[in-house]
C-alpha cells in the first residue's frame, strides 16, 4: 500500500497571470478572488487539496511586481517569503507570453533549491504547434523539474498537474481535515469577496485604493441567517462617491454580488450591511496596513 504524501506548494507568477483562477479550478470551489486587474491577491492565501493518497497545501501568493507604495512592498515581500520552507514551487506563466516581469521572477527562482514546476496557463488560446514552440523556448531558460501546459479555464491537464505535484511531496501527515478548503478564517474570505466585486464594478483608479474590514458577523440559527457588517475604506472623498454611486446604486450592486458569493460558500441566507469610509493614503501608513492585516 502506498504511503500518504503531504506538503506545501507555493504558487508564484507575475500579476494577472491566472494564479487564483488555477487554484479555484484545482479545488473545485472558489476561495481566491479573480479579477482582470493586476495585483488582485494581496496576502498569501492558503488553500488545501485533499485526496485519498495525499494532501497539498497551496500558498496563493500576490503577483511579483515592482512596488510603488508600502502595500506593494508588502505584497512582493509576502510572495518571496512564501517560498521559504515549501516542498515545491508552481511557477505560472502565460502561453505565448514571456515578459520582463517573468525575467525578474526567473532571477529569484534561480536562487531556490526546491523543485520548480513551470506551468504554462491558457493553453486553450494557442494551437498545438504554437504551444510546442513556446514550451521548447522556455525550457531553455532554466533546469525546471517539469514543464506542463494547462488551461485553468477548461481544466486541460489539471489532473496531470496534481499528480506531478504530489510526486514532489514527501511522505507525511494530513495537516488539515478532509473537508477543509482554506486555512483562512471566514471573515478574511468574506472581505475578499466584497473586494472582488469592487474590482469588477469600479473604475481603474479605485481597485487598489480600497480595503475591506469585517466589523461584525452574527448568526441566527432559527432563521438560518448570517448577518455581516463590513466597512469599505478608500483613500479619497471622490473615491467614496464612486463606491456609493448615484442614489447608492453602486454600493447596492457591490453588496448584491458579494452576498451571492458568500451565500454559495456558506449555504445559508446572508444579510450584508456595507459602509464606506475615507482613510487617507492608507496604503503608505504602517498602522493602517497592520489594521487591515497587511503587516
C-alpha atoms as a PDB file:
ATOM      1  CA  UNK A   1       0.000   0.000   0.000  1.00  0.00           C
ATOM      2  CA  UNK A   2       1.403   3.411  -0.993  1.00  0.00           C
ATOM      3  CA  UNK A   3       2.118   5.826   1.839  1.00  0.00           C
ATOM      4  CA  UNK A   4       0.298   9.145   2.311  1.00  0.00           C
ATOM      5  CA  UNK A   5       2.098  12.190   0.918  1.00  0.00           C
ATOM      6  CA  UNK A   6       1.650  15.758   2.085  1.00  0.00           C
ATOM      7  CA  UNK A   7       3.399  19.086   1.768  1.00  0.00           C
ATOM      8  CA  UNK A   8       3.391  22.731   0.792  1.00  0.00           C
ATOM      9  CA  UNK A   9       3.447  24.234  -2.703  1.00  0.00           C
ATOM     10  CA  UNK A  10       3.931  27.961  -3.370  1.00  0.00           C
ATOM     11  CA  UNK A  11       2.115  29.331  -6.419  1.00  0.00           C
ATOM     12  CA  UNK A  12       4.220  32.104  -7.956  1.00  0.00           C
ATOM     13  CA  UNK A  13       3.820  34.306 -11.022  1.00  0.00           C
ATOM     14  CA  UNK A  14       3.556  37.836 -12.311  1.00  0.00           C
ATOM     15  CA  UNK A  15       0.312  39.753 -11.663  1.00  0.00           C
ATOM     16  CA  UNK A  16      -2.797  38.816 -13.605  1.00  0.00           C
ATOM     17  CA  UNK A  17      -1.405  35.536 -14.973  1.00  0.00           C
ATOM     18  CA  UNK A  18      -4.250  33.403 -13.573  1.00  0.00           C
ATOM     19  CA  UNK A  19      -2.950  32.018 -10.258  1.00  0.00           C
ATOM     20  CA  UNK A  20      -6.242  32.439  -8.403  1.00  0.00           C
ATOM     21  CA  UNK A  21      -8.277  31.039 -11.306  1.00  0.00           C
ATOM     22  CA  UNK A  22      -5.994  27.996 -11.425  1.00  0.00           C
ATOM     23  CA  UNK A  23      -6.361  27.316  -7.703  1.00  0.00           C
ATOM     24  CA  UNK A  24     -10.131  27.722  -7.773  1.00  0.00           C
ATOM     25  CA  UNK A  25     -10.250  25.194 -10.633  1.00  0.00           C
ATOM     26  CA  UNK A  26      -7.967  22.732  -8.831  1.00  0.00           C
ATOM     27  CA  UNK A  27     -10.008  22.960  -5.626  1.00  0.00           C
ATOM     28  CA  UNK A  28     -13.376  22.851  -7.360  1.00  0.00           C
ATOM     29  CA  UNK A  29     -14.518  25.731  -5.168  1.00  0.00           C
ATOM     30  CA  UNK A  30     -13.986  29.469  -5.159  1.00  0.00           C
ATOM     31  CA  UNK A  31     -11.526  30.563  -2.492  1.00  0.00           C
ATOM     32  CA  UNK A  32      -9.243  33.112  -4.158  1.00  0.00           C
ATOM     33  CA  UNK A  33     -10.822  36.170  -5.772  1.00  0.00           C
ATOM     34  CA  UNK A  34     -10.447  36.641  -9.502  1.00  0.00           C
ATOM     35  CA  UNK A  35     -10.165  39.876 -11.468  1.00  0.00           C
ATOM     36  CA  UNK A  36      -8.795  41.048 -14.801  1.00  0.00           C
ATOM     37  CA  UNK A  37      -6.967  43.806 -12.889  1.00  0.00           C
ATOM     38  CA  UNK A  38      -3.370  43.065 -11.790  1.00  0.00           C
ATOM     39  CA  UNK A  39      -2.275  42.602  -8.153  1.00  0.00           C
ATOM     40  CA  UNK A  40      -5.658  41.250  -7.078  1.00  0.00           C
ATOM     41  CA  UNK A  41      -4.248  38.896  -4.427  1.00  0.00           C
ATOM     42  CA  UNK A  42      -2.648  40.772  -1.510  1.00  0.00           C
ATOM     43  CA  UNK A  43      -1.964  38.019   1.025  1.00  0.00           C
ATOM     44  CA  UNK A  44      -0.506  34.530   0.742  1.00  0.00           C
ATOM     45  CA  UNK A  45      -3.801  32.634   0.749  1.00  0.00           C
ATOM     46  CA  UNK A  46      -3.586  29.057   1.999  1.00  0.00           C
ATOM     47  CA  UNK A  47      -5.733  26.557   0.077  1.00  0.00           C
ATOM     48  CA  UNK A  48      -5.936  22.818   0.724  1.00  0.00           C
ATOM     49  CA  UNK A  49      -6.463  19.996  -1.779  1.00  0.00           C
ATOM     50  CA  UNK A  50      -7.027  16.579  -0.213  1.00  0.00           C
ATOM     51  CA  UNK A  51      -7.116  13.201  -1.958  1.00  0.00           C
ATOM     52  CA  UNK A  52      -7.168   9.676  -0.529  1.00  0.00           C
ATOM     53  CA  UNK A  53      -3.424   9.390  -1.093  1.00  0.00           C
ATOM     54  CA  UNK A  54      -2.197  12.925  -0.499  1.00  0.00           C
ATOM     55  CA  UNK A  55      -2.797  16.471   0.708  1.00  0.00           C
ATOM     56  CA  UNK A  56      -1.376  19.572  -0.996  1.00  0.00           C
ATOM     57  CA  UNK A  57      -1.346  22.866   0.899  1.00  0.00           C
ATOM     58  CA  UNK A  58      -1.121  25.624  -1.725  1.00  0.00           C
ATOM     59  CA  UNK A  59       0.048  29.160  -0.980  1.00  0.00           C
ATOM     60  CA  UNK A  60      -1.591  31.523  -3.493  1.00  0.00           C
ATOM     61  CA  UNK A  61       0.766  34.491  -3.491  1.00  0.00           C
ATOM     62  CA  UNK A  62       0.484  38.108  -4.642  1.00  0.00           C
ATOM     63  CA  UNK A  63       1.926  38.660  -8.096  1.00  0.00           C
ATOM     64  CA  UNK A  64       5.602  39.632  -8.051  1.00  0.00           C
ATOM     65  CA  UNK A  65       5.925  43.152  -9.449  1.00  0.00           C
ATOM     66  CA  UNK A  66       7.772  46.453  -8.987  1.00  0.00           C
ATOM     67  CA  UNK A  67       6.093  48.095  -5.963  1.00  0.00           C
ATOM     68  CA  UNK A  68       5.052  51.758  -5.937  1.00  0.00           C
ATOM     69  CA  UNK A  69       3.788  52.052  -2.317  1.00  0.00           C
ATOM     70  CA  UNK A  70       4.166  50.308   1.040  1.00  0.00           C
ATOM     71  CA  UNK A  71       1.266  47.973   0.306  1.00  0.00           C
ATOM     72  CA  UNK A  72       3.018  46.906  -2.905  1.00  0.00           C
ATOM     73  CA  UNK A  73       6.244  46.326  -0.974  1.00  0.00           C
ATOM     74  CA  UNK A  74       4.334  44.150   1.487  1.00  0.00           C
ATOM     75  CA  UNK A  75       2.774  42.132  -1.370  1.00  0.00           C
ATOM     76  CA  UNK A  76       6.114  41.393  -3.047  1.00  0.00           C
ATOM     77  CA  UNK A  77       7.726  40.560   0.321  1.00  0.00           C
ATOM     78  CA  UNK A  78       4.847  38.164   1.047  1.00  0.00           C
ATOM     79  CA  UNK A  79       5.258  36.423  -2.300  1.00  0.00           C
ATOM     80  CA  UNK A  80       9.000  35.900  -1.874  1.00  0.00           C
ATOM     81  CA  UNK A  81       8.757  34.832   1.775  1.00  0.00           C
ATOM     82  CA  UNK A  82       6.182  32.187   0.835  1.00  0.00           C
ATOM     83  CA  UNK A  83       8.981  30.324  -0.966  1.00  0.00           C
ATOM     84  CA  UNK A  84      10.714  29.585   2.329  1.00  0.00           C
ATOM     85  CA  UNK A  85      10.065  26.102   3.636  1.00  0.00           C
ATOM     86  CA  UNK A  86       7.830  24.838   0.813  1.00  0.00           C
ATOM     87  CA  UNK A  87       8.351  21.445  -0.782  1.00  0.00           C
ATOM     88  CA  UNK A  88       7.852  22.632  -4.362  1.00  0.00           C
ATOM     89  CA  UNK A  89       7.158  25.772  -6.370  1.00  0.00           C
ATOM     90  CA  UNK A  90       4.478  26.071  -9.036  1.00  0.00           C
ATOM     91  CA  UNK A  91       5.519  28.940 -11.289  1.00  0.00           C
ATOM     92  CA  UNK A  92       2.665  30.022 -13.530  1.00  0.00           C
ATOM     93  CA  UNK A  93       3.301  31.856 -16.795  1.00  0.00           C
ATOM     94  CA  UNK A  94       1.087  32.567 -19.807  1.00  0.00           C
ATOM     95  CA  UNK A  95       1.251  30.589 -23.048  1.00  0.00           C
ATOM     96  CA  UNK A  96       2.974  32.595 -25.767  1.00  0.00           C
ATOM     97  CA  UNK A  97       3.960  35.444 -23.450  1.00  0.00           C
ATOM     98  CA  UNK A  98       7.347  35.910 -21.781  1.00  0.00           C
ATOM     99  CA  UNK A  99       7.740  39.356 -20.184  1.00  0.00           C
ATOM    100  CA  UNK A 100      10.281  41.421 -18.264  1.00  0.00           C
ATOM    101  CA  UNK A 101       8.368  40.505 -15.113  1.00  0.00           C
ATOM    102  CA  UNK A 102       8.942  36.816 -15.898  1.00  0.00           C
ATOM    103  CA  UNK A 103      12.657  37.522 -16.322  1.00  0.00           C
ATOM    104  CA  UNK A 104      12.665  39.184 -12.897  1.00  0.00           C
ATOM    105  CA  UNK A 105      10.976  36.154 -11.339  1.00  0.00           C
ATOM    106  CA  UNK A 106      13.450  33.852 -13.101  1.00  0.00           C
ATOM    107  CA  UNK A 107      16.285  35.589 -11.243  1.00  0.00           C
ATOM    108  CA  UNK A 108      14.508  34.784  -7.965  1.00  0.00           C
ATOM    109  CA  UNK A 109      13.782  31.184  -8.995  1.00  0.00           C
ATOM    110  CA  UNK A 110      17.481  30.538  -9.730  1.00  0.00           C
ATOM    111  CA  UNK A 111      18.246  31.001  -6.022  1.00  0.00           C
ATOM    112  CA  UNK A 112      15.878  28.235  -4.930  1.00  0.00           C
ATOM    113  CA  UNK A 113      16.756  24.661  -4.088  1.00  0.00           C
ATOM    114  CA  UNK A 114      13.187  23.359  -4.259  1.00  0.00           C
ATOM    115  CA  UNK A 115      11.897  21.707  -7.451  1.00  0.00           C
ATOM    116  CA  UNK A 116      10.197  24.216  -9.744  1.00  0.00           C
ATOM    117  CA  UNK A 117       7.282  23.077 -11.886  1.00  0.00           C
ATOM    118  CA  UNK A 118       6.802  25.576 -14.702  1.00  0.00           C
ATOM    119  CA  UNK A 119       3.098  25.638 -15.544  1.00  0.00           C
ATOM    120  CA  UNK A 120       2.069  27.411 -18.733  1.00  0.00           C
ATOM    121  CA  UNK A 121      -1.529  28.612 -18.483  1.00  0.00           C
ATOM    122  CA  UNK A 122      -4.061  29.475 -21.209  1.00  0.00           C
ATOM    123  CA  UNK A 123      -3.066  26.611 -23.494  1.00  0.00           C
ATOM    124  CA  UNK A 124      -6.615  26.751 -24.876  1.00  0.00           C
ATOM    125  CA  UNK A 125      -5.740  30.028 -26.624  1.00  0.00           C
ATOM    126  CA  UNK A 126      -2.913  28.542 -28.707  1.00  0.00           C
ATOM    127  CA  UNK A 127      -2.721  25.768 -31.326  1.00  0.00           C
ATOM    128  CA  UNK A 128      -0.579  22.658 -30.765  1.00  0.00           C
ATOM    129  CA  UNK A 129       2.296  23.923 -32.881  1.00  0.00           C
ATOM    130  CA  UNK A 130       2.391  27.268 -31.079  1.00  0.00           C
ATOM    131  CA  UNK A 131       2.271  25.505 -27.720  1.00  0.00           C
ATOM    132  CA  UNK A 132       5.171  23.197 -28.631  1.00  0.00           C
ATOM    133  CA  UNK A 133       7.353  26.064 -29.856  1.00  0.00           C
ATOM    134  CA  UNK A 134       6.735  28.154 -26.749  1.00  0.00           C
ATOM    135  CA  UNK A 135       7.310  25.252 -24.335  1.00  0.00           C
ATOM    136  CA  UNK A 136      10.570  24.466 -26.118  1.00  0.00           C
ATOM    137  CA  UNK A 137      11.727  28.077 -25.817  1.00  0.00           C
ATOM    138  CA  UNK A 138      11.020  28.387 -22.075  1.00  0.00           C
ATOM    139  CA  UNK A 139      12.643  25.009 -21.373  1.00  0.00           C
ATOM    140  CA  UNK A 140      15.975  26.589 -22.281  1.00  0.00           C
ATOM    141  CA  UNK A 141      15.711  29.272 -19.589  1.00  0.00           C
ATOM    142  CA  UNK A 142      16.359  27.062 -16.537  1.00  0.00           C
ATOM    143  CA  UNK A 143      16.569  23.485 -15.311  1.00  0.00           C
ATOM    144  CA  UNK A 144      12.936  23.037 -14.378  1.00  0.00           C
ATOM    145  CA  UNK A 145      11.723  19.875 -12.643  1.00  0.00           C
ATOM    146  CA  UNK A 146       8.904  19.716 -15.200  1.00  0.00           C
ATOM    147  CA  UNK A 147       7.104  21.912 -17.727  1.00  0.00           C
ATOM    148  CA  UNK A 148       3.393  21.490 -18.373  1.00  0.00           C
ATOM    149  CA  UNK A 149       0.835  23.365 -20.457  1.00  0.00           C
ATOM    150  CA  UNK A 150      -2.601  23.706 -18.832  1.00  0.00           C
ATOM    151  CA  UNK A 151      -5.836  25.635 -19.088  1.00  0.00           C
ATOM    152  CA  UNK A 152      -7.322  26.781 -15.783  1.00  0.00           C
ATOM    153  CA  UNK A 153     -10.452  27.755 -17.740  1.00  0.00           C
ATOM    154  CA  UNK A 154     -11.164  24.426 -19.497  1.00  0.00           C
ATOM    155  CA  UNK A 155      -9.443  22.106 -16.993  1.00  0.00           C
ATOM    156  CA  UNK A 156      -6.944  20.766 -19.525  1.00  0.00           C
ATOM    157  CA  UNK A 157      -4.106  18.834 -17.821  1.00  0.00           C
ATOM    158  CA  UNK A 158      -5.147  19.853 -14.298  1.00  0.00           C
ATOM    159  CA  UNK A 159      -5.347  16.220 -13.111  1.00  0.00           C
ATOM    160  CA  UNK A 160      -1.865  15.654 -14.528  1.00  0.00           C
ATOM    161  CA  UNK A 161      -0.665  18.777 -12.704  1.00  0.00           C
ATOM    162  CA  UNK A 162      -1.936  17.463  -9.356  1.00  0.00           C
ATOM    163  CA  UNK A 163      -0.268  14.074  -9.929  1.00  0.00           C
ATOM    164  CA  UNK A 164       3.033  15.782 -10.732  1.00  0.00           C
ATOM    165  CA  UNK A 165       2.875  17.975  -7.624  1.00  0.00           C
ATOM    166  CA  UNK A 166       2.113  15.020  -5.365  1.00  0.00           C
ATOM    167  CA  UNK A 167       5.192  13.322  -6.779  1.00  0.00           C
ATOM    168  CA  UNK A 168       7.313  16.160  -5.362  1.00  0.00           C
ATOM    169  CA  UNK A 169       5.865  15.824  -1.842  1.00  0.00           C
ATOM    170  CA  UNK A 170       7.397  13.728   0.934  1.00  0.00           C
ATOM    171  CA  UNK A 171       5.565  11.112   2.925  1.00  0.00           C
ATOM    172  CA  UNK A 172       3.828  12.918   5.747  1.00  0.00           C
ATOM    173  CA  UNK A 173       0.731  13.549   7.859  1.00  0.00           C
ATOM    174  CA  UNK A 174      -2.614  15.028   6.911  1.00  0.00           C
ATOM    175  CA  UNK A 175      -2.288  18.645   8.067  1.00  0.00           C
ATOM    176  CA  UNK A 176      -5.984  19.520   7.697  1.00  0.00           C
ATOM    177  CA  UNK A 177      -9.292  17.605   7.914  1.00  0.00           C
ATOM    178  CA  UNK A 178     -10.730  16.281   4.632  1.00  0.00           C
ATOM    179  CA  UNK A 179     -13.383  18.989   4.377  1.00  0.00           C
ATOM    180  CA  UNK A 180     -11.001  21.950   4.815  1.00  0.00           C
ATOM    181  CA  UNK A 181     -10.513  24.062   1.714  1.00  0.00           C
ATOM    182  CA  UNK A 182      -8.718  27.065   3.208  1.00  0.00           C
ATOM    183  CA  UNK A 183      -6.773  27.784   6.367  1.00  0.00           C
ATOM    184  CA  UNK A 184      -8.020  31.369   6.389  1.00  0.00           C
ATOM    185  CA  UNK A 185     -10.857  32.437   8.695  1.00  0.00           C
ATOM    186  CA  UNK A 186     -14.249  33.050   7.121  1.00  0.00           C
ATOM    187  CA  UNK A 187     -14.008  36.804   7.833  1.00  0.00           C
ATOM    188  CA  UNK A 188     -10.986  37.009   5.529  1.00  0.00           C
ATOM    189  CA  UNK A 189     -12.869  35.244   2.723  1.00  0.00           C
ATOM    190  CA  UNK A 190     -15.941  37.484   3.203  1.00  0.00           C
ATOM    191  CA  UNK A 191     -13.765  40.602   2.884  1.00  0.00           C
ATOM    192  CA  UNK A 192     -12.092  39.214  -0.230  1.00  0.00           C
ATOM    193  CA  UNK A 193     -15.449  38.540  -1.912  1.00  0.00           C
ATOM    194  CA  UNK A 194     -16.525  42.145  -1.239  1.00  0.00           C
ATOM    195  CA  UNK A 195     -13.224  43.446  -2.594  1.00  0.00           C
ATOM    196  CA  UNK A 196     -13.645  41.307  -5.709  1.00  0.00           C
ATOM    197  CA  UNK A 197     -16.982  42.940  -6.511  1.00  0.00           C
ATOM    198  CA  UNK A 198     -15.382  46.371  -6.205  1.00  0.00           C
ATOM    199  CA  UNK A 199     -12.606  45.279  -8.569  1.00  0.00           C
ATOM    200  CA  UNK A 200     -15.193  44.154 -11.110  1.00  0.00           C
ATOM    201  CA  UNK A 201     -17.519  47.120 -10.929  1.00  0.00           C
ATOM    202  CA  UNK A 202     -15.412  50.259 -10.413  1.00  0.00           C
ATOM    203  CA  UNK A 203     -13.011  52.352 -12.443  1.00  0.00           C
ATOM    204  CA  UNK A 204      -9.235  51.884 -12.727  1.00  0.00           C
ATOM    205  CA  UNK A 205      -8.440  54.466 -10.021  1.00  0.00           C
ATOM    206  CA  UNK A 206     -10.409  52.650  -7.354  1.00  0.00           C
ATOM    207  CA  UNK A 207      -9.374  48.954  -7.052  1.00  0.00           C
ATOM    208  CA  UNK A 208      -6.036  49.202  -5.268  1.00  0.00           C
ATOM    209  CA  UNK A 209      -7.115  52.136  -3.096  1.00  0.00           C
ATOM    210  CA  UNK A 210      -9.655  50.039  -1.194  1.00  0.00           C
ATOM    211  CA  UNK A 211      -9.519  47.833   1.864  1.00  0.00           C
ATOM    212  CA  UNK A 212     -12.385  45.898   3.421  1.00  0.00           C
ATOM    213  CA  UNK A 213     -12.774  45.312   7.154  1.00  0.00           C
ATOM    214  CA  UNK A 214     -15.383  42.892   8.534  1.00  0.00           C
ATOM    215  CA  UNK A 215     -16.798  44.656  11.597  1.00  0.00           C
ATOM    216  CA  UNK A 216     -19.267  42.055  12.826  1.00  0.00           C
ATOM    217  CA  UNK A 217     -20.597  38.584  11.963  1.00  0.00           C
ATOM    218  CA  UNK A 218     -23.625  37.168  13.778  1.00  0.00           C
ATOM    219  CA  UNK A 219     -25.651  34.009  13.246  1.00  0.00           C
ATOM    220  CA  UNK A 220     -29.386  33.378  13.707  1.00  0.00           C
ATOM    221  CA  UNK A 221     -29.767  29.553  13.607  1.00  0.00           C
ATOM    222  CA  UNK A 222     -33.558  29.679  13.886  1.00  0.00           C
ATOM    223  CA  UNK A 223     -33.835  31.785  10.710  1.00  0.00           C
ATOM    224  CA  UNK A 224     -30.841  30.079   9.055  1.00  0.00           C
ATOM    225  CA  UNK A 225     -29.375  33.566   8.563  1.00  0.00           C
ATOM    226  CA  UNK A 226     -25.894  35.070   8.844  1.00  0.00           C
ATOM    227  CA  UNK A 227     -25.625  38.859   9.239  1.00  0.00           C
ATOM    228  CA  UNK A 228     -22.393  40.582   8.216  1.00  0.00           C
ATOM    229  CA  UNK A 229     -21.463  44.236   8.714  1.00  0.00           C
ATOM    230  CA  UNK A 230     -18.426  45.445   6.764  1.00  0.00           C
ATOM    231  CA  UNK A 231     -16.663  48.740   6.078  1.00  0.00           C
ATOM    232  CA  UNK A 232     -15.049  49.599   2.753  1.00  0.00           C
ATOM    233  CA  UNK A 233     -12.119  52.017   3.201  1.00  0.00           C
ATOM    234  CA  UNK A 234     -10.925  54.319   0.421  1.00  0.00           C
ATOM    235  CA  UNK A 235      -8.204  56.981   0.289  1.00  0.00           C
ATOM    236  CA  UNK A 236     -10.130  59.997  -1.052  1.00  0.00           C
ATOM    237  CA  UNK A 237     -13.600  61.537  -0.767  1.00  0.00           C
ATOM    238  CA  UNK A 238     -14.044  61.295  -4.542  1.00  0.00           C
ATOM    239  CA  UNK A 239     -13.477  57.540  -4.343  1.00  0.00           C
ATOM    240  CA  UNK A 240     -16.110  57.246  -1.635  1.00  0.00           C
ATOM    241  CA  UNK A 241     -18.593  58.866  -4.005  1.00  0.00           C
ATOM    242  CA  UNK A 242     -17.720  56.385  -6.757  1.00  0.00           C
ATOM    243  CA  UNK A 243     -18.137  53.398  -4.441  1.00  0.00           C
ATOM    244  CA  UNK A 244     -21.530  54.596  -3.207  1.00  0.00           C
ATOM    245  CA  UNK A 245     -22.698  55.685  -6.670  1.00  0.00           C
ATOM    246  CA  UNK A 246     -25.728  57.730  -7.669  1.00  0.00           C
ATOM    247  CA  UNK A 247     -28.522  57.127  -5.153  1.00  0.00           C
ATOM    248  CA  UNK A 248     -26.416  54.333  -3.634  1.00  0.00           C
ATOM    249  CA  UNK A 249     -26.689  52.122  -6.735  1.00  0.00           C
ATOM    250  CA  UNK A 250     -23.039  51.118  -6.947  1.00  0.00           C
ATOM    251  CA  UNK A 251     -22.836  50.135  -3.277  1.00  0.00           C
ATOM    252  CA  UNK A 252     -26.027  48.123  -3.660  1.00  0.00           C
ATOM    253  CA  UNK A 253     -24.641  46.296  -6.715  1.00  0.00           C
ATOM    254  CA  UNK A 254     -21.406  45.523  -4.855  1.00  0.00           C
ATOM    255  CA  UNK A 255     -23.413  44.196  -1.918  1.00  0.00           C
ATOM    256  CA  UNK A 256     -25.664  42.007  -4.068  1.00  0.00           C
ATOM    257  CA  UNK A 257     -22.709  40.418  -5.872  1.00  0.00           C
ATOM    258  CA  UNK A 258     -20.733  39.795  -2.679  1.00  0.00           C
ATOM    259  CA  UNK A 259     -23.764  38.441  -0.833  1.00  0.00           C
ATOM    260  CA  UNK A 260     -24.408  35.878  -3.569  1.00  0.00           C
ATOM    261  CA  UNK A 261     -20.803  34.652  -3.361  1.00  0.00           C
ATOM    262  CA  UNK A 262     -20.919  34.385   0.437  1.00  0.00           C
ATOM    263  CA  UNK A 263     -24.246  32.544   0.326  1.00  0.00           C
ATOM    264  CA  UNK A 264     -22.767  29.994  -2.081  1.00  0.00           C
ATOM    265  CA  UNK A 265     -19.861  29.475   0.301  1.00  0.00           C
ATOM    266  CA  UNK A 266     -21.949  29.174   3.485  1.00  0.00           C
ATOM    267  CA  UNK A 267     -25.093  27.544   2.095  1.00  0.00           C
ATOM    268  CA  UNK A 268     -27.371  29.847   4.127  1.00  0.00           C
ATOM    269  CA  UNK A 269     -29.117  33.193   3.634  1.00  0.00           C
ATOM    270  CA  UNK A 270     -26.882  36.217   4.224  1.00  0.00           C
ATOM    271  CA  UNK A 271     -27.708  39.796   5.201  1.00  0.00           C
ATOM    272  CA  UNK A 272     -24.818  42.062   4.191  1.00  0.00           C
ATOM    273  CA  UNK A 273     -24.590  45.626   5.515  1.00  0.00           C
ATOM    274  CA  UNK A 274     -21.891  47.743   3.806  1.00  0.00           C
ATOM    275  CA  UNK A 275     -20.477  51.125   4.855  1.00  0.00           C
ATOM    276  CA  UNK A 276     -17.867  53.319   3.165  1.00  0.00           C
ATOM    277  CA  UNK A 277     -15.268  55.435   4.991  1.00  0.00           C
ATOM    278  CA  UNK A 278     -12.225  57.501   3.978  1.00  0.00           C
ATOM    279  CA  UNK A 279      -8.790  56.711   5.471  1.00  0.00           C
ATOM    280  CA  UNK A 280      -6.428  58.995   3.599  1.00  0.00           C
ATOM    281  CA  UNK A 281      -3.317  57.455   1.983  1.00  0.00           C
ATOM    282  CA  UNK A 282      -3.745  54.236   4.000  1.00  0.00           C
ATOM    283  CA  UNK A 283      -1.516  52.196   1.634  1.00  0.00           C
ATOM    284  CA  UNK A 284       1.548  54.138   2.843  1.00  0.00           C
ATOM    285  CA  UNK A 285       0.730  54.083   6.568  1.00  0.00           C
ATOM    286  CA  UNK A 286       2.154  51.172   8.593  1.00  0.00           C
ATOM    287  CA  UNK A 287      -0.598  51.492  11.225  1.00  0.00           C
ATOM    288  CA  UNK A 288      -3.346  51.178   8.610  1.00  0.00           C
ATOM    289  CA  UNK A 289      -1.561  48.277   6.878  1.00  0.00           C
ATOM    290  CA  UNK A 290      -1.391  46.420  10.187  1.00  0.00           C
ATOM    291  CA  UNK A 291      -5.036  47.210  10.922  1.00  0.00           C
ATOM    292  CA  UNK A 292      -6.095  45.653   7.627  1.00  0.00           C
ATOM    293  CA  UNK A 293      -3.845  42.604   8.104  1.00  0.00           C
ATOM    294  CA  UNK A 294      -1.133  43.520   5.586  1.00  0.00           C
ATOM    295  CA  UNK A 295       1.804  43.581   8.016  1.00  0.00           C
END
